[in-house]
Amino acid sequence: MKNKLKTKKAAAKRIRVSGSKRNKKYIQRTCTQDHFNSRDKGKDTTAKRLDKTITKTLTNHLKRLLPYS
C-alpha cells in the first residue's frame, strides 16, 4: 500500500496556485504590506498591492511542499 504525501501547511497558507495543469504559476503576496505603510513612498505602496509570481528555481522546491496542488 502506498502512503499519501503530506502537504506543508505553512507553504499552503502563503502560496496560491493558478494556471492550468501544464502552466502552473505559484503566486505569493508581497511581504511587509500590512503595517506602517504611511511612511513608505507612493511608489512602494503601489508595488505592494500587486502579487508576485515565484521564480522557476523555487517552483521545483514548491512542488515537493505542495504535492496535491
N, C-alpha and C. Protein backbone atom coordinates (compact mmCIF):
# COMPACT_ATOMS: atom_id res chain seq x y z
N MET A 1 0.84 -1.17 0.00
CA MET A 1 0.00 0.00 0.00
C MET A 1 0.89 1.25 0.00
N LYS A 2 0.56 2.18 -0.85
CA LYS A 2 1.37 3.39 -1.00
C LYS A 2 0.88 4.46 -0.03
N ASN A 3 1.81 5.12 0.63
CA ASN A 3 1.46 6.17 1.58
C ASN A 3 1.16 7.47 0.87
N LYS A 4 0.29 8.27 1.47
CA LYS A 4 -0.03 9.58 0.92
C LYS A 4 1.06 10.56 1.30
N LEU A 5 1.26 11.55 0.45
CA LEU A 5 2.22 12.62 0.74
C LEU A 5 1.55 13.69 1.57
N LYS A 6 2.29 14.33 2.45
CA LYS A 6 1.73 15.36 3.30
C LYS A 6 2.03 16.73 2.70
N THR A 7 1.04 17.60 2.74
CA THR A 7 1.20 18.98 2.30
C THR A 7 1.75 19.79 3.45
N LYS A 8 2.76 20.62 3.18
CA LYS A 8 3.29 21.53 4.19
C LYS A 8 2.33 22.70 4.33
N LYS A 9 1.66 22.78 5.47
CA LYS A 9 0.59 23.75 5.65
C LYS A 9 1.10 25.19 5.70
N ALA A 10 2.33 25.39 6.15
CA ALA A 10 2.88 26.75 6.19
C ALA A 10 3.02 27.30 4.77
N ALA A 11 3.42 26.45 3.84
CA ALA A 11 3.54 26.88 2.45
C ALA A 11 2.17 27.03 1.80
N ALA A 12 1.23 26.16 2.17
CA ALA A 12 -0.10 26.21 1.56
C ALA A 12 -0.85 27.47 1.96
N LYS A 13 -0.58 27.99 3.15
CA LYS A 13 -1.26 29.20 3.60
C LYS A 13 -0.70 30.45 2.92
N ARG A 14 0.54 30.40 2.48
CA ARG A 14 1.18 31.60 1.94
C ARG A 14 1.21 31.64 0.42
N ILE A 15 1.03 30.51 -0.23
CA ILE A 15 1.22 30.44 -1.68
C ILE A 15 -0.05 29.95 -2.34
N ARG A 16 -0.44 30.63 -3.43
CA ARG A 16 -1.61 30.27 -4.19
C ARG A 16 -1.17 29.71 -5.53
N VAL A 17 -1.86 28.70 -6.02
CA VAL A 17 -1.52 28.08 -7.30
C VAL A 17 -2.57 28.48 -8.31
N SER A 18 -2.14 28.96 -9.47
CA SER A 18 -3.07 29.33 -10.53
C SER A 18 -2.54 28.80 -11.85
N GLY A 19 -3.37 28.82 -12.84
CA GLY A 19 -2.98 28.34 -14.15
C GLY A 19 -3.46 26.94 -14.41
N SER A 20 -3.17 26.44 -15.61
CA SER A 20 -3.61 25.11 -16.00
C SER A 20 -2.64 24.06 -15.45
N LYS A 21 -2.89 22.82 -15.82
CA LYS A 21 -2.05 21.72 -15.32
C LYS A 21 -0.62 21.85 -15.81
N ARG A 22 -0.46 22.26 -17.05
CA ARG A 22 0.90 22.37 -17.61
C ARG A 22 1.60 23.66 -17.18
N ASN A 23 0.85 24.74 -17.14
CA ASN A 23 1.44 26.05 -16.84
C ASN A 23 1.03 26.52 -15.46
N LYS A 24 1.47 25.80 -14.44
CA LYS A 24 1.15 26.21 -13.08
C LYS A 24 1.99 27.41 -12.70
N LYS A 25 1.34 28.36 -12.04
CA LYS A 25 2.05 29.53 -11.53
C LYS A 25 1.82 29.59 -10.04
N TYR A 26 2.88 29.82 -9.30
CA TYR A 26 2.80 29.96 -7.86
C TYR A 26 2.85 31.44 -7.53
N ILE A 27 1.82 31.92 -6.85
CA ILE A 27 1.68 33.35 -6.59
C ILE A 27 1.75 33.58 -5.09
N GLN A 28 2.51 34.61 -4.71
CA GLN A 28 2.72 34.93 -3.30
C GLN A 28 2.38 36.40 -3.08
N ARG A 29 1.84 36.69 -1.93
CA ARG A 29 1.54 38.08 -1.60
C ARG A 29 2.83 38.83 -1.27
N THR A 30 2.86 40.10 -1.56
CA THR A 30 4.05 40.90 -1.27
C THR A 30 4.22 41.03 0.24
N CYS A 31 5.45 40.93 0.70
CA CYS A 31 5.70 40.99 2.14
C CYS A 31 5.69 42.44 2.63
N THR A 32 5.58 42.63 3.93
CA THR A 32 5.56 43.92 4.65
C THR A 32 4.51 44.86 4.09
N GLN A 33 3.30 44.37 3.91
CA GLN A 33 2.28 45.18 3.28
C GLN A 33 1.18 45.58 4.24
N ASP A 34 1.17 45.04 5.44
CA ASP A 34 0.06 45.28 6.34
C ASP A 34 0.29 46.39 7.35
N HIS A 35 1.50 46.73 7.66
CA HIS A 35 1.76 47.58 8.82
C HIS A 35 2.77 48.66 8.45
N PHE A 36 2.59 49.86 8.97
CA PHE A 36 3.49 51.02 8.76
C PHE A 36 3.63 51.39 7.29
N ASN A 37 2.53 51.44 6.58
CA ASN A 37 2.59 51.79 5.16
C ASN A 37 2.57 53.29 4.93
N SER A 38 2.22 54.08 5.94
CA SER A 38 2.13 55.52 5.74
C SER A 38 3.51 56.16 5.57
N ARG A 39 4.53 55.53 6.10
CA ARG A 39 5.87 56.11 5.98
C ARG A 39 6.55 55.77 4.66
N ASP A 40 5.97 54.83 3.89
CA ASP A 40 6.57 54.46 2.61
C ASP A 40 6.26 55.50 1.54
N LYS A 41 7.03 55.46 0.48
CA LYS A 41 6.77 56.31 -0.67
C LYS A 41 5.58 55.76 -1.44
N GLY A 42 5.00 56.58 -2.27
CA GLY A 42 3.84 56.16 -3.05
C GLY A 42 4.15 55.03 -4.01
N LYS A 43 5.37 55.06 -4.53
CA LYS A 43 5.78 54.01 -5.45
C LYS A 43 5.85 52.65 -4.74
N ASP A 44 6.28 52.68 -3.48
CA ASP A 44 6.37 51.44 -2.72
C ASP A 44 5.00 50.87 -2.39
N THR A 45 4.06 51.73 -2.04
CA THR A 45 2.73 51.24 -1.66
C THR A 45 1.98 50.67 -2.86
N THR A 46 2.16 51.27 -4.04
CA THR A 46 1.51 50.71 -5.22
C THR A 46 2.15 49.40 -5.62
N ALA A 47 3.44 49.26 -5.40
CA ALA A 47 4.12 47.99 -5.72
C ALA A 47 3.70 46.89 -4.76
N LYS A 48 3.36 47.26 -3.53
CA LYS A 48 2.95 46.26 -2.54
C LYS A 48 1.57 45.69 -2.82
N ARG A 49 0.76 46.40 -3.58
CA ARG A 49 -0.59 45.92 -3.87
C ARG A 49 -0.59 44.74 -4.82
N LEU A 50 0.44 44.59 -5.61
CA LEU A 50 0.50 43.53 -6.60
C LEU A 50 1.06 42.25 -5.99
N ASP A 51 0.56 41.11 -6.45
CA ASP A 51 1.11 39.83 -6.03
C ASP A 51 2.32 39.50 -6.87
N LYS A 52 3.20 38.68 -6.32
CA LYS A 52 4.42 38.30 -7.02
C LYS A 52 4.35 36.85 -7.46
N THR A 53 4.85 36.58 -8.66
CA THR A 53 4.98 35.20 -9.10
C THR A 53 6.35 34.69 -8.69
N ILE A 54 6.40 33.45 -8.28
CA ILE A 54 7.64 32.87 -7.77
C ILE A 54 8.46 32.34 -8.93
N THR A 55 9.77 32.46 -8.83
CA THR A 55 10.66 32.09 -9.93
C THR A 55 10.65 30.58 -10.17
N LYS A 56 11.14 30.18 -11.33
CA LYS A 56 11.12 28.76 -11.70
C LYS A 56 12.06 27.92 -10.85
N THR A 57 13.11 28.52 -10.32
CA THR A 57 14.02 27.75 -9.48
C THR A 57 13.35 27.34 -8.18
N LEU A 58 12.49 28.21 -7.64
CA LEU A 58 11.79 27.87 -6.41
C LEU A 58 10.54 27.02 -6.66
N THR A 59 10.01 27.01 -7.88
CA THR A 59 8.83 26.20 -8.14
C THR A 59 9.13 24.72 -8.04
N ASN A 60 10.34 24.31 -8.38
CA ASN A 60 10.69 22.89 -8.22
C ASN A 60 10.68 22.49 -6.76
N HIS A 61 11.07 23.37 -5.88
CA HIS A 61 11.03 23.10 -4.45
C HIS A 61 9.59 23.10 -3.93
N LEU A 62 8.77 23.99 -4.49
CA LEU A 62 7.38 24.07 -4.05
C LEU A 62 6.55 22.88 -4.49
N LYS A 63 6.94 22.22 -5.55
CA LYS A 63 6.22 21.03 -5.99
C LYS A 63 6.32 19.92 -4.95
N ARG A 64 7.41 19.89 -4.22
CA ARG A 64 7.55 18.89 -3.15
C ARG A 64 6.77 19.31 -1.91
N LEU A 65 6.69 20.61 -1.65
CA LEU A 65 5.97 21.09 -0.48
C LEU A 65 4.46 21.00 -0.66
N LEU A 66 3.99 21.22 -1.89
CA LEU A 66 2.56 21.22 -2.18
C LEU A 66 2.28 20.13 -3.23
N PRO A 67 2.25 18.87 -2.85
CA PRO A 67 2.16 17.80 -3.84
C PRO A 67 0.82 17.70 -4.54
N TYR A 68 -0.28 18.08 -3.90
CA TYR A 68 -1.61 17.90 -4.50
C TYR A 68 -2.22 19.18 -5.01
N SER A 69 -1.43 20.21 -5.20
CA SER A 69 -1.99 21.48 -5.68
C SER A 69 -1.95 21.55 -7.20
